[in-house]
Amino acid sequence: RLTSLDCVLMAIGRTPVTAELGLEATGVQLDGKGRVVVDEKQETGVSGLYCLGDASTSGFELTPVAIAAGRRLADRIFGGAADAKFEYANIATVVFSHPTIGTIGLTEPQA
C-alpha cells in the first residue's frame, strides 16, 4: 500500500482507426493491432499506396518521426531521390511530463 506519492504518471497507447477505411478492398495488409503493414520505405505492397506514422508498422508513434518519414517519401516520389528513406536508428524519445524525460541511444542491456 502506497502512503505518499510525488507524482502519478499514466501512460496510454494509441490505437489506429483503420477499420472503417475499406483497406480490404485494396489488398493492403493490417497487423493484429490494425496498423498498416509497411516496409522500410513506407510501401504497403500495393502500388501507389503508402502509409507512415501512427497507423503504420514503422514502429515509432512520434510526430517528428512521421514528418521526417513523410519528407523522405516526398523526396522519393517527387524529388527524384529513388533511394531516400528515413533512418529509424537512434531516435530520441520524450515523455512530456514535469520534469520532461528524454532518452536516446542504447539501453543498458543493449550496451
C-alpha atoms as a PDB file:
ATOM      1  CA  ARG A   1       0.000   0.000   0.000  1.00  0.00           C
ATOM      2  CA  LEU A   2       1.329   3.404  -1.012  1.00  0.00           C
ATOM      3  CA  THR A   3       1.075   6.098   1.603  1.00  0.00           C
ATOM      4  CA  SER A   4       2.549   9.066  -0.266  1.00  0.00           C
ATOM      5  CA  LEU A   5       3.344   9.956  -3.849  1.00  0.00           C
ATOM      6  CA  ASP A   6       5.205  12.770  -5.532  1.00  0.00           C
ATOM      7  CA  CYS A   7       3.788  12.027  -8.959  1.00  0.00           C
ATOM      8  CA  VAL A   8       1.473   9.683 -10.830  1.00  0.00           C
ATOM      9  CA  LEU A   9       2.296   9.013 -14.475  1.00  0.00           C
ATOM     10  CA  MET A  10      -0.379   7.481 -16.677  1.00  0.00           C
ATOM     11  CA  ALA A  11       0.834   6.062 -19.992  1.00  0.00           C
ATOM     12  CA  ILE A  12      -1.717   5.240 -22.662  1.00  0.00           C
ATOM     13  CA  GLY A  13      -1.260   3.594 -26.009  1.00  0.00           C
ATOM     14  CA  ARG A  14      -2.574   4.537 -29.394  1.00  0.00           C
ATOM     15  CA  THR A  15      -4.996   2.565 -31.493  1.00  0.00           C
ATOM     16  CA  PRO A  16      -5.052   3.205 -35.237  1.00  0.00           C
ATOM     17  CA  VAL A  17      -8.511   3.850 -36.646  1.00  0.00           C
ATOM     18  CA  THR A  18      -8.185   1.872 -39.870  1.00  0.00           C
ATOM     19  CA  ALA A  19     -11.182  -0.454 -39.734  1.00  0.00           C
ATOM     20  CA  GLU A  20     -13.525   1.989 -41.496  1.00  0.00           C
ATOM     21  CA  LEU A  21     -11.166   2.805 -44.380  1.00  0.00           C
ATOM     22  CA  GLY A  22     -12.103  -0.167 -46.556  1.00  0.00           C
ATOM     23  CA  LEU A  23      -8.482  -1.244 -46.918  1.00  0.00           C
ATOM     24  CA  GLU A  24      -9.542  -4.853 -47.517  1.00  0.00           C
ATOM     25  CA  ALA A  25     -10.694  -3.747 -50.987  1.00  0.00           C
ATOM     26  CA  THR A  26      -7.181  -2.505 -51.829  1.00  0.00           C
ATOM     27  CA  GLY A  27      -5.116  -5.506 -50.795  1.00  0.00           C
ATOM     28  CA  VAL A  28      -3.326  -3.550 -48.048  1.00  0.00           C
ATOM     29  CA  GLN A  29      -2.436  -5.824 -45.129  1.00  0.00           C
ATOM     30  CA  LEU A  30      -3.101  -4.940 -41.492  1.00  0.00           C
ATOM     31  CA  ASP A  31      -1.349  -6.391 -38.470  1.00  0.00           C
ATOM     32  CA  GLY A  32      -3.180  -7.681 -35.398  1.00  0.00           C
ATOM     33  CA  LYS A  33      -3.427  -4.168 -33.942  1.00  0.00           C
ATOM     34  CA  GLY A  34      -4.955  -2.635 -37.076  1.00  0.00           C
ATOM     35  CA  ARG A  35      -1.747  -0.965 -38.264  1.00  0.00           C
ATOM     36  CA  VAL A  36      -0.932  -0.925 -41.979  1.00  0.00           C
ATOM     37  CA  VAL A  37       1.989  -3.249 -42.744  1.00  0.00           C
ATOM     38  CA  VAL A  38       4.779  -1.332 -44.496  1.00  0.00           C
ATOM     39  CA  ASP A  39       8.392  -1.867 -45.492  1.00  0.00           C
ATOM     40  CA  GLU A  40      11.333   0.448 -44.703  1.00  0.00           C
ATOM     41  CA  LYS A  41      10.171   2.878 -47.405  1.00  0.00           C
ATOM     42  CA  GLN A  42       6.550   3.117 -46.144  1.00  0.00           C
ATOM     43  CA  GLU A  43       5.393   0.979 -49.079  1.00  0.00           C
ATOM     44  CA  THR A  44       2.314  -1.155 -48.410  1.00  0.00           C
ATOM     45  CA  GLY A  45       2.901  -3.690 -51.165  1.00  0.00           C
ATOM     46  CA  VAL A  46       0.107  -2.123 -53.213  1.00  0.00           C
ATOM     47  CA  SER A  47       1.451   0.085 -55.986  1.00  0.00           C
ATOM     48  CA  GLY A  48       0.915   3.774 -55.232  1.00  0.00           C
ATOM     49  CA  LEU A  49      -0.321   3.254 -51.652  1.00  0.00           C
ATOM     50  CA  TYR A  50       1.950   4.339 -48.807  1.00  0.00           C
ATOM     51  CA  CYS A  51       1.471   4.656 -45.066  1.00  0.00           C
ATOM     52  CA  LEU A  52       3.537   6.294 -42.342  1.00  0.00           C
ATOM     53  CA  GLY A  53       3.139   7.473 -38.790  1.00  0.00           C
ATOM     54  CA  ASP A  54       0.932   6.060 -36.048  1.00  0.00           C
ATOM     55  CA  ALA A  55      -1.185   3.917 -38.379  1.00  0.00           C
ATOM     56  CA  SER A  56       1.817   2.042 -39.808  1.00  0.00           C
ATOM     57  CA  THR A  57       4.094  -0.732 -38.592  1.00  0.00           C
ATOM     58  CA  SER A  58       7.174   1.518 -38.803  1.00  0.00           C
ATOM     59  CA  GLY A  59       7.471   1.198 -35.021  1.00  0.00           C
ATOM     60  CA  PHE A  60       7.532   4.827 -33.900  1.00  0.00           C
ATOM     61  CA  GLU A  61       4.497   6.833 -32.813  1.00  0.00           C
ATOM     62  CA  LEU A  62       6.187  10.218 -32.750  1.00  0.00           C
ATOM     63  CA  THR A  63       5.010  13.207 -34.786  1.00  0.00           C
ATOM     64  CA  PRO A  64       8.522  14.443 -35.731  1.00  0.00           C
ATOM     65  CA  VAL A  65       9.396  10.944 -36.954  1.00  0.00           C
ATOM     66  CA  ALA A  66       6.278  10.822 -39.146  1.00  0.00           C
ATOM     67  CA  ILE A  67       7.095  14.274 -40.546  1.00  0.00           C
ATOM     68  CA  ALA A  68      10.653  13.245 -41.392  1.00  0.00           C
ATOM     69  CA  ALA A  69       9.495   9.953 -42.936  1.00  0.00           C
ATOM     70  CA  GLY A  70       6.924  11.881 -44.990  1.00  0.00           C
ATOM     71  CA  ARG A  71       9.639  14.201 -46.273  1.00  0.00           C
ATOM     72  CA  ARG A  72      11.772  11.255 -47.380  1.00  0.00           C
ATOM     73  CA  LEU A  73       8.714   9.731 -49.058  1.00  0.00           C
ATOM     74  CA  ALA A  74       8.080  13.015 -50.910  1.00  0.00           C
ATOM     75  CA  ASP A  75      11.770  13.168 -51.896  1.00  0.00           C
ATOM     76  CA  ARG A  76      11.458   9.671 -53.346  1.00  0.00           C
ATOM     77  CA  ILE A  77       8.162  10.188 -55.170  1.00  0.00           C
ATOM     78  CA  PHE A  78       8.528  13.793 -56.333  1.00  0.00           C
ATOM     79  CA  GLY A  79      12.184  14.742 -55.877  1.00  0.00           C
ATOM     80  CA  GLY A  80      13.952  12.108 -57.918  1.00  0.00           C
ATOM     81  CA  ALA A  81      15.722  10.607 -54.879  1.00  0.00           C
ATOM     82  CA  ALA A  82      14.905   6.949 -55.543  1.00  0.00           C
ATOM     83  CA  ASP A  83      16.859   5.699 -52.510  1.00  0.00           C
ATOM     84  CA  ALA A  84      15.572   8.260 -49.996  1.00  0.00           C
ATOM     85  CA  LYS A  85      14.245   6.707 -46.794  1.00  0.00           C
ATOM     86  CA  PHE A  86      14.077   7.676 -43.166  1.00  0.00           C
ATOM     87  CA  GLU A  87      16.631   6.032 -40.884  1.00  0.00           C
ATOM     88  CA  TYR A  88      14.844   4.782 -37.774  1.00  0.00           C
ATOM     89  CA  ALA A  89      18.043   4.271 -35.730  1.00  0.00           C
ATOM     90  CA  ASN A  90      18.820   6.390 -32.662  1.00  0.00           C
ATOM     91  CA  ILE A  91      15.540   8.256 -32.427  1.00  0.00           C
ATOM     92  CA  ALA A  92      15.217  10.329 -29.291  1.00  0.00           C
ATOM     93  CA  THR A  93      12.086   9.748 -27.242  1.00  0.00           C
ATOM     94  CA  VAL A  94      10.499  12.055 -24.724  1.00  0.00           C
ATOM     95  CA  VAL A  95       7.898  11.903 -22.004  1.00  0.00           C
ATOM     96  CA  PHE A  96       6.094  15.237 -21.781  1.00  0.00           C
ATOM     97  CA  SER A  97       5.955  15.300 -18.013  1.00  0.00           C
ATOM     98  CA  HIS A  98       7.216  17.648 -15.337  1.00  0.00           C
ATOM     99  CA  PRO A  99      10.149  17.337 -15.391  1.00  0.00           C
ATOM    100  CA  THR A 100      10.451  16.271 -19.037  1.00  0.00           C
ATOM    101  CA  ILE A 101      12.200  12.937 -19.559  1.00  0.00           C
ATOM    102  CA  GLY A 102      14.196  12.181 -22.707  1.00  0.00           C
ATOM    103  CA  THR A 103      16.295   9.254 -23.933  1.00  0.00           C
ATOM    104  CA  ILE A 104      18.405   8.389 -26.959  1.00  0.00           C
ATOM    105  CA  GLY A 105      20.825   5.596 -27.832  1.00  0.00           C
ATOM    106  CA  LEU A 106      21.259   2.106 -26.455  1.00  0.00           C
ATOM    107  CA  THR A 107      19.522   0.766 -23.390  1.00  0.00           C
ATOM    108  CA  GLU A 108      21.704  -0.634 -20.606  1.00  0.00           C
ATOM    109  CA  PRO A 109      21.108  -4.283 -21.690  1.00  0.00           C
ATOM    110  CA  GLN A 110      21.888  -3.388 -25.325  1.00  0.00           C
ATOM    111  CA  ALA A 111      25.141  -1.679 -24.304  1.00  0.00           C
END
